[in-house]
Amino acid sequence: MSARYPTRAISAIVVALLFLIAFLPFSYSSANPATTDDSMTESGEYRFQSARAAAQAGEYELAKQEYATLMLEEPDNVDYLFGYAQVLFWSDDIPLSLRFLEQARKLAPDYEEVWKLEYRALLILSRDQSNLSVDHYRQMAAQRFPHAEWHREVEQVVPTKYHWEFSASREQLDNDTPDWEQAGALFGRKVAATAMLYLTASTYSRFGATDTQFGLGSVVTAMAKWTITGGITVSSSPNFLPEKELDLGINRQFDHGWVGGIRWRHRDYTSSPVDSFAAVAERYFGNYRVAYSLNSAHLSSERAIVHVLAASFYPKSEFQLGVTLAAGEEIEMIAPGQLLKTEVTSVAISGRHPVSNYLSIGWRLATHRQGTLYRRTGIGVSVSGEF
């Protein structure tokens, strides 16, 4: 059994959510006027946590911008220097990272995490364990931290150039039709400090049939604040997937943790093409991220709009937890050769837990109502890594 999702209710929910996204973080800061040293300290801590969250989420350019602003105000703050050096290290700018690590080490000579990262950076930059600078640094570290083990490591650390991921999911439908299943693989290679190319291959089982899809895509960071994504996927003799799919997106980072973007998607089904457009607004604050997107799909003269709200929590770099809500209308293949616009509502929760610096495990639980046709409830898992 199911009920139509009232259009007015959807609009009211969306307006309320947008109000919370736009004004809740600001209302918190406005409640503490920046007129005292304590409030200035709170403001700095707030922006520091925002920079850390952006770095942990992989938004390196945004994190660099936040740290650079903080260091202008407190150039001798070791936490700011170390945080900025970490982001530079993770984005493969090793020489510049070493400059800030050295500065932080001199200001706080007993800050062991600074020493450890500087040692790893030296190993990467030297490419030679017998390098005199590495040997000398190891000797200094042994004197400063005689009981530590990290400075005794001799295996060379190299920056990651490749990314891989395997995923699988299974969804159960409540209308006595076969379960939906998916399995996929992704392999990406960093071709420059700001560009990655990736290949994908996936199989999908739906409606008692199986389709296979192959893809090629890229992610490029341009002019520090812009990120451009693009891709193409193809399916040979598809039963329910599009024969060809094109995808292009552009994001830009703004001040105060804001990110905005647009996305265009074109799908060529055997029955008809479908074009989709999306506008996205994100906000990073503290250890949190909130995002809203407005998605519009077009099939002939029909248009379907769905609203998506997502929130993520990064309590620490080793763990991420997120929730996504969607409501509105969607154009979807509900049977082989049959595209239909239906009302949809969905809820999903997801998480990611790195096992090591080079291996992570992810999971996802979701339920999706496709109008009056069916409800899909499923689970997905993934394993990813870098080398």
Protein backbone atom coordinates (compact mmCIF):
# COMPACT_ATOMS: atom_id res chain seq x y z
CA MET A 1 0.00 0.00 0.00
CA SER A 2 1.21 3.54 -0.72
CA ALA A 3 -0.03 7.11 -0.79
CA ARG A 4 0.72 10.00 -3.10
CA TYR A 5 3.21 12.45 -1.68
CA PRO A 6 1.37 15.83 -1.60
CA THR A 7 3.10 18.48 -3.69
CA ARG A 8 2.38 21.20 -1.12
CA ALA A 9 3.88 19.09 1.65
CA ILE A 10 7.05 18.53 -0.38
CA SER A 11 7.38 22.27 -1.05
CA ALA A 12 6.89 23.10 2.63
CA ILE A 13 9.52 20.56 3.69
CA VAL A 14 12.02 21.87 1.15
CA VAL A 15 11.52 25.51 2.19
CA ALA A 16 12.01 24.57 5.85
CA LEU A 17 15.16 22.57 5.10
CA LEU A 18 16.62 25.38 2.99
CA PHE A 19 15.98 27.82 5.84
CA LEU A 20 17.83 25.57 8.27
CA ILE A 21 20.80 25.08 5.89
CA ALA A 22 21.18 28.79 5.16
CA PHE A 23 20.59 30.31 8.57
CA LEU A 24 21.23 27.78 11.35
CA PRO A 25 25.06 27.96 11.19
CA PHE A 26 24.90 31.76 11.00
CA SER A 27 22.47 32.01 13.91
CA TYR A 28 24.92 30.09 16.07
CA SER A 29 27.73 32.52 15.34
CA SER A 30 25.52 35.63 15.64
CA ALA A 31 24.53 34.56 19.14
CA ASN A 32 28.11 35.28 20.23
CA PRO A 33 29.09 38.78 19.06
CA ALA A 34 32.80 38.98 18.18
CA THR A 35 33.58 41.75 20.60
CA THR A 36 35.86 39.94 23.05
CA ASP A 37 39.01 37.87 22.90
CA ASP A 38 36.99 34.79 23.92
CA SER A 39 34.59 35.19 21.00
CA MET A 40 37.50 35.68 18.63
CA THR A 41 38.98 32.44 19.92
CA GLU A 42 35.66 30.66 19.38
CA SER A 43 35.50 32.03 15.84
CA GLY A 44 39.02 30.78 15.12
CA GLU A 45 38.21 27.35 16.56
CA TYR A 46 35.04 27.20 14.46
CA ARG A 47 36.97 27.97 11.26
CA PHE A 48 39.73 25.56 12.28
CA GLN A 49 37.22 22.73 12.63
CA SER A 50 35.67 23.74 9.30
CA ALA A 51 39.09 23.52 7.62
CA ARG A 52 39.73 20.10 9.18
CA ALA A 53 36.34 18.80 8.05
CA ALA A 54 36.93 20.03 4.49
CA ALA A 55 40.35 18.34 4.39
CA GLN A 56 38.92 15.06 5.72
CA ALA A 57 36.20 15.19 3.07
CA GLY A 58 38.80 15.59 0.30
CA GLU A 59 37.93 19.25 -0.35
CA TYR A 60 41.60 20.22 -0.37
CA GLU A 61 41.30 23.61 -2.07
CA LEU A 62 38.61 24.70 0.34
CA ALA A 63 40.74 23.53 3.29
CA LYS A 64 43.79 25.40 1.96
CA GLN A 65 41.75 28.58 1.70
CA GLU A 66 40.48 28.23 5.29
CA TYR A 67 43.94 27.49 6.70
CA ALA A 68 45.55 30.35 4.74
CA THR A 69 43.06 32.80 6.27
CA LEU A 70 43.71 31.46 9.77
CA MET A 71 47.49 31.70 9.36
CA LEU A 72 47.23 35.32 8.31
CA GLU A 73 45.65 36.04 11.69
CA GLU A 74 47.96 33.73 13.72
CA PRO A 75 51.11 32.97 11.70
CA ASP A 76 52.75 31.14 14.64
CA ASN A 77 49.81 28.85 15.45
CA VAL A 78 51.31 25.35 15.17
CA ASP A 79 47.94 23.63 14.67
CA TYR A 80 47.18 25.86 11.68
CA LEU A 81 50.64 25.30 10.20
CA PHE A 82 50.39 21.54 10.67
CA GLY A 83 46.86 21.38 9.26
CA TYR A 84 47.89 23.35 6.18
CA ALA A 85 50.97 21.12 5.73
CA GLN A 86 48.75 18.02 5.95
CA VAL A 87 46.49 19.27 3.16
CA LEU A 88 49.51 20.09 1.00
CA PHE A 89 50.90 16.60 1.67
CA TRP A 90 47.61 14.88 0.79
CA SER A 91 47.35 16.89 -2.43
CA ASP A 92 50.92 15.84 -3.43
CA ASP A 93 52.56 19.26 -2.97
CA ILE A 94 55.38 17.71 -0.93
CA PRO A 95 58.04 20.48 -1.22
CA LEU A 96 55.69 23.20 0.01
CA SER A 97 54.37 20.90 2.73
CA LEU A 98 57.93 20.45 4.04
CA ARG A 99 58.37 24.22 4.39
CA PHE A 100 55.41 24.52 6.74
CA LEU A 101 56.28 21.33 8.63
CA GLU A 102 59.77 22.65 9.33
CA GLN A 103 58.31 25.92 10.59
CA ALA A 104 55.85 24.06 12.85
CA ARG A 105 58.60 21.77 14.20
CA LYS A 106 60.78 24.71 15.17
CA LEU A 107 57.89 26.38 16.99
CA ALA A 108 56.88 23.15 18.78
CA PRO A 109 59.91 20.82 18.93
CA ASP A 110 58.03 18.14 20.93
CA TYR A 111 55.03 17.90 18.58
CA GLU A 112 55.57 14.29 17.44
CA GLU A 113 52.89 14.22 14.72
CA VAL A 114 54.70 17.08 12.95
CA TRP A 115 57.96 15.11 13.04
CA LYS A 116 56.27 11.97 11.70
CA LEU A 117 54.69 13.72 8.72
CA GLU A 118 57.90 15.60 7.95
CA TYR A 119 59.78 12.29 7.96
CA ARG A 120 57.29 10.74 5.52
CA ALA A 121 57.55 13.79 3.27
CA LEU A 122 61.35 13.58 3.28
CA LEU A 123 61.19 9.89 2.34
CA ILE A 124 58.94 10.66 -0.60
CA LEU A 125 61.03 13.59 -1.77
CA SER A 126 64.41 11.88 -1.40
CA ARG A 127 63.56 8.68 -3.31
CA ASP A 128 66.65 7.23 -1.63
CA GLN A 129 66.91 5.79 1.88
CA SER A 130 70.65 6.63 1.98
CA ASN A 131 69.93 10.30 1.38
CA LEU A 132 71.90 12.33 3.92
CA SER A 133 68.93 14.57 4.80
CA VAL A 134 66.82 11.52 5.68
CA ASP A 135 69.62 9.94 7.75
CA HIS A 136 70.25 13.19 9.61
CA TYR A 137 66.53 13.67 10.28
CA ARG A 138 66.23 10.09 11.54
CA GLN A 139 69.07 10.73 13.99
CA MET A 140 67.42 13.91 15.29
CA ALA A 141 64.11 12.10 15.67
CA ALA A 142 65.74 9.24 17.57
CA GLN A 143 67.24 11.71 20.05
CA ARG A 144 63.94 13.54 20.50
CA PHE A 145 61.71 10.42 20.65
CA PRO A 146 63.97 7.54 21.72
CA HIS A 147 61.12 5.10 22.41
CA ALA A 148 59.22 5.67 19.14
CA GLU A 149 59.29 3.19 16.26
CA TRP A 150 58.22 5.31 13.29
CA HIS A 151 61.68 6.85 12.67
CA ARG A 152 63.18 3.35 12.45
CA GLU A 153 61.08 2.49 9.40
CA VAL A 154 63.17 2.07 6.29
CA GLU A 155 60.42 1.22 3.78
CA GLN A 156 60.01 4.13 1.41
CA VAL A 157 56.63 5.84 1.38
CA VAL A 158 55.39 6.82 -2.05
CA PRO A 159 52.47 9.08 -2.94
CA THR A 160 49.40 7.27 -4.21
CA LYS A 161 48.74 7.43 -7.95
CA TYR A 162 46.02 4.82 -8.34
CA HIS A 163 42.56 4.37 -6.87
CA TRP A 164 40.37 1.26 -7.03
CA GLU A 165 36.94 0.27 -5.75
CA PHE A 166 34.69 -2.80 -5.82
CA SER A 167 31.02 -2.49 -4.91
CA ALA A 168 27.92 -4.68 -4.74
CA SER A 169 24.29 -4.13 -3.75
CA ARG A 170 21.03 -6.02 -3.51
CA GLU A 171 17.51 -4.56 -3.33
CA GLN A 172 14.29 -6.39 -2.50
CA LEU A 173 11.00 -5.26 -4.12
CA ASP A 174 7.66 -5.62 -2.40
CA ASN A 175 5.64 -6.48 -5.53
CA ASP A 176 6.81 -10.10 -5.85
CA THR A 177 9.29 -9.36 -8.65
CA PRO A 178 12.95 -10.56 -8.67
CA ASP A 179 15.45 -8.71 -6.54
CA TRP A 180 17.66 -6.06 -8.11
CA GLU A 181 21.39 -6.75 -7.96
CA GLN A 182 24.47 -4.75 -8.93
CA ALA A 183 28.21 -5.36 -8.93
CA GLY A 184 30.84 -2.92 -10.16
CA ALA A 185 34.51 -2.05 -10.30
CA LEU A 186 36.35 1.24 -10.71
CA PHE A 187 40.02 1.89 -11.44
CA GLY A 188 41.44 5.41 -11.50
CA ARG A 189 44.86 6.83 -12.24
CA LYS A 190 46.14 10.26 -11.26
CA VAL A 191 47.62 11.74 -14.45
CA ALA A 192 48.60 15.04 -12.78
CA ALA A 193 48.46 16.63 -9.34
CA THR A 194 45.02 18.02 -10.19
CA ALA A 195 43.57 15.44 -12.60
CA MET A 196 42.42 11.82 -12.45
CA LEU A 197 41.09 9.48 -15.14
CA TYR A 198 39.01 6.42 -14.25
CA LEU A 199 37.46 3.35 -15.89
CA THR A 200 34.31 1.58 -14.67
CA ALA A 201 32.59 -1.72 -15.37
CA SER A 202 29.28 -2.81 -13.84
CA THR A 203 26.58 -5.44 -14.20
CA TYR A 204 22.93 -4.91 -13.24
CA SER A 205 20.18 -7.50 -12.80
CA ARG A 206 16.60 -6.23 -12.93
CA PHE A 207 13.24 -7.51 -14.19
CA GLY A 208 14.73 -10.96 -14.79
CA ALA A 209 17.37 -9.56 -17.21
CA THR A 210 21.03 -8.54 -16.93
CA ASP A 211 22.80 -5.53 -18.47
CA THR A 212 26.51 -4.67 -18.55
CA GLN A 213 27.87 -1.12 -18.62
CA PHE A 214 31.36 0.31 -19.22
CA GLY A 215 32.49 3.86 -18.53
CA LEU A 216 35.30 6.39 -18.85
CA GLY A 217 35.48 9.57 -16.76
CA SER A 218 37.69 12.27 -15.30
CA VAL A 219 37.96 14.70 -12.38
CA VAL A 220 39.96 17.91 -12.87
CA THR A 221 40.69 20.76 -10.45
CA ALA A 222 41.20 24.08 -12.23
CA MET A 223 42.21 27.53 -10.96
CA ALA A 224 42.22 26.27 -7.36
CA LYS A 225 38.49 26.75 -6.72
CA TRP A 226 36.91 24.92 -9.67
CA THR A 227 36.32 21.17 -10.04
CA ILE A 228 35.14 19.72 -13.36
CA THR A 229 33.82 16.18 -13.69
CA GLY A 230 32.81 14.38 -16.86
CA GLY A 231 32.12 10.88 -18.07
CA ILE A 232 30.57 8.62 -20.66
CA THR A 233 29.12 5.12 -20.21
CA VAL A 234 27.90 2.67 -22.85
CA SER A 235 25.85 -0.53 -22.77
CA SER A 236 25.67 -3.08 -25.58
CA SER A 237 22.16 -4.43 -26.34
CA PRO A 238 20.71 -3.07 -23.08
CA ASN A 239 17.42 -4.35 -21.70
CA PHE A 240 16.76 -1.53 -19.24
CA LEU A 241 19.92 0.60 -19.02
CA PRO A 242 20.54 3.49 -21.46
CA GLU A 243 22.59 2.66 -24.53
CA LYS A 244 24.72 5.72 -23.84
CA GLU A 245 25.00 8.15 -20.94
CA LEU A 246 26.86 11.47 -20.85
CA ASP A 247 27.60 13.32 -17.61
CA LEU A 248 29.16 16.74 -16.99
CA GLY A 249 29.44 18.68 -13.72
CA ILE A 250 31.11 21.89 -12.50
CA ASN A 251 31.63 22.90 -8.85
CA ARG A 252 33.05 26.09 -7.37
CA GLN A 253 34.22 26.78 -3.83
CA PHE A 254 33.20 30.01 -2.11
CA ASP A 255 33.99 31.69 1.20
CA HIS A 256 32.68 30.49 4.58
CA GLY A 257 32.57 26.82 3.56
CA TRP A 258 30.08 27.17 0.69
CA VAL A 259 30.28 25.08 -2.48
CA GLY A 260 27.96 25.47 -5.47
CA GLY A 261 27.63 23.42 -8.62
CA ILE A 262 25.57 22.38 -11.63
CA ARG A 263 25.30 19.06 -13.43
CA TRP A 264 23.95 17.89 -16.80
CA ARG A 265 23.15 14.27 -17.59
CA HIS A 266 21.93 12.79 -20.88
CA ARG A 267 20.64 9.22 -21.15
CA ASP A 268 19.83 7.52 -24.47
CA TYR A 269 17.31 4.76 -23.84
CA THR A 270 16.07 2.55 -26.66
CA SER A 271 12.61 4.06 -26.24
CA SER A 272 13.48 7.74 -25.69
CA PRO A 273 16.27 10.09 -24.52
CA VAL A 274 16.11 11.70 -21.05
CA ASP A 275 17.94 14.90 -20.08
CA SER A 276 18.52 15.85 -16.44
CA PHE A 277 19.80 19.04 -14.83
CA ALA A 278 20.79 19.60 -11.22
CA ALA A 279 21.78 22.60 -9.10
CA VAL A 280 23.66 21.86 -5.87
CA ALA A 281 24.51 23.97 -2.81
CA GLU A 282 26.78 22.64 -0.04
CA ARG A 283 27.96 24.06 3.26
CA TYR A 284 30.84 22.79 5.42
CA PHE A 285 30.95 23.85 9.06
CA GLY A 286 32.82 22.20 11.90
CA ASN A 287 32.72 18.44 11.41
CA TYR A 288 29.56 18.63 9.32
CA ARG A 289 28.46 18.97 5.71
CA VAL A 290 24.92 19.78 4.53
CA ALA A 291 23.90 19.75 0.86
CA TYR A 292 20.73 20.42 -1.11
CA SER A 293 20.14 19.67 -4.78
CA LEU A 294 17.25 20.43 -7.11
CA ASN A 295 17.04 17.86 -9.92
CA SER A 296 14.94 18.32 -13.04
CA ALA A 297 14.49 15.50 -15.59
CA HIS A 298 12.87 15.90 -19.01
CA LEU A 299 11.15 13.22 -21.10
CA SER A 300 9.54 14.61 -24.28
CA SER A 301 7.14 17.26 -22.93
CA GLU A 302 7.13 15.92 -19.37
CA ARG A 303 9.24 17.30 -16.56
CA ALA A 304 9.96 15.70 -13.18
CA ILE A 305 11.49 17.53 -10.22
CA VAL A 306 12.97 15.90 -7.12
CA HIS A 307 14.49 17.56 -4.05
CA VAL A 308 17.46 15.91 -2.31
CA LEU A 309 18.85 16.84 1.10
CA ALA A 310 22.04 15.23 2.41
CA ALA A 311 23.99 15.63 5.65
CA SER A 312 27.36 14.15 6.62
CA PHE A 313 29.23 13.94 9.90
CA TYR A 314 33.03 13.57 10.17
CA PRO A 315 33.78 12.98 13.87
CA LYS A 316 37.33 12.03 12.92
CA SER A 317 39.28 11.24 9.78
CA GLU A 318 38.81 7.49 10.20
CA PHE A 319 35.01 7.60 10.00
CA GLN A 320 32.19 9.22 8.05
CA LEU A 321 28.43 8.90 8.48
CA GLY A 322 25.76 10.37 6.20
CA VAL A 323 22.02 10.47 5.58
CA THR A 324 20.19 11.38 2.34
CA LEU A 325 16.48 12.23 1.91
CA ALA A 326 14.69 12.64 -1.43
CA ALA A 327 11.12 13.54 -2.40
CA GLY A 328 9.43 14.61 -5.61
CA GLU A 329 9.05 13.10 -9.07
CA GLU A 330 11.42 10.99 -11.13
CA ILE A 331 11.64 9.58 -14.66
CA GLU A 332 12.82 6.00 -14.41
CA MET A 333 12.79 2.73 -16.32
CA ILE A 334 10.13 0.78 -14.42
CA ALA A 335 10.19 -2.18 -16.85
CA PRO A 336 12.19 -3.07 -20.00
CA GLY A 337 11.35 -0.46 -22.63
CA GLN A 338 8.98 1.47 -20.34
CA LEU A 339 9.97 4.91 -19.04
CA LEU A 340 7.54 6.50 -16.63
CA LYS A 341 7.30 9.60 -14.43
CA THR A 342 6.31 8.68 -10.88
CA GLU A 343 6.36 10.24 -7.46
CA VAL A 344 9.25 9.07 -5.30
CA THR A 345 10.42 9.24 -1.69
CA SER A 346 13.62 7.71 -0.38
CA VAL A 347 15.84 7.56 2.69
CA ALA A 348 19.42 6.30 2.79
CA ILE A 349 22.14 6.14 5.42
CA SER A 350 25.77 5.42 4.58
CA GLY A 351 29.17 5.19 6.19
CA ARG A 352 32.85 4.79 5.41
CA HIS A 353 35.59 3.42 7.63
CA PRO A 354 39.24 3.35 6.53
CA VAL A 355 40.98 0.17 7.67
CA SER A 356 44.40 1.68 6.91
CA ASN A 357 45.90 4.56 4.94
CA TYR A 358 45.32 2.57 1.76
CA LEU A 359 42.09 0.60 2.37
CA SER A 360 38.52 1.62 3.24
CA ILE A 361 35.20 -0.17 3.71
CA GLY A 362 31.87 1.48 2.93
CA TRP A 363 28.22 0.57 3.41
CA ARG A 364 24.76 1.87 2.53
CA LEU A 365 21.20 1.09 3.65
CA ALA A 366 18.29 2.54 1.69
CA THR A 367 14.56 2.37 1.08
CA HIS A 368 12.97 3.86 -2.06
CA ARG A 369 9.26 4.21 -2.88
CA GLN A 370 8.54 4.31 -6.66
CA GLY A 371 5.04 5.81 -6.74
CA THR A 372 2.35 3.13 -6.37
CA LEU A 373 4.46 0.55 -8.24
CA TYR A 374 6.83 -0.81 -5.60
CA ARG A 375 9.18 -0.10 -2.71
CA ARG A 376 12.85 -1.11 -2.96
CA THR A 377 14.75 -1.84 0.25
CA GLY A 378 18.40 -2.74 -0.04
CA ILE A 379 21.95 -2.83 1.22
CA GLY A 380 25.22 -2.02 -0.49
CA VAL A 381 28.87 -2.55 0.44
CA SER A 382 32.14 -1.38 -1.07
CA VAL A 383 35.87 -1.86 -0.63
CA SER A 384 38.26 0.79 -1.94
CA GLY A 385 41.92 1.61 -1.75
CA GLU A 386 44.88 3.55 -3.11
CA PHE A 387 48.45 2.77 -4.01
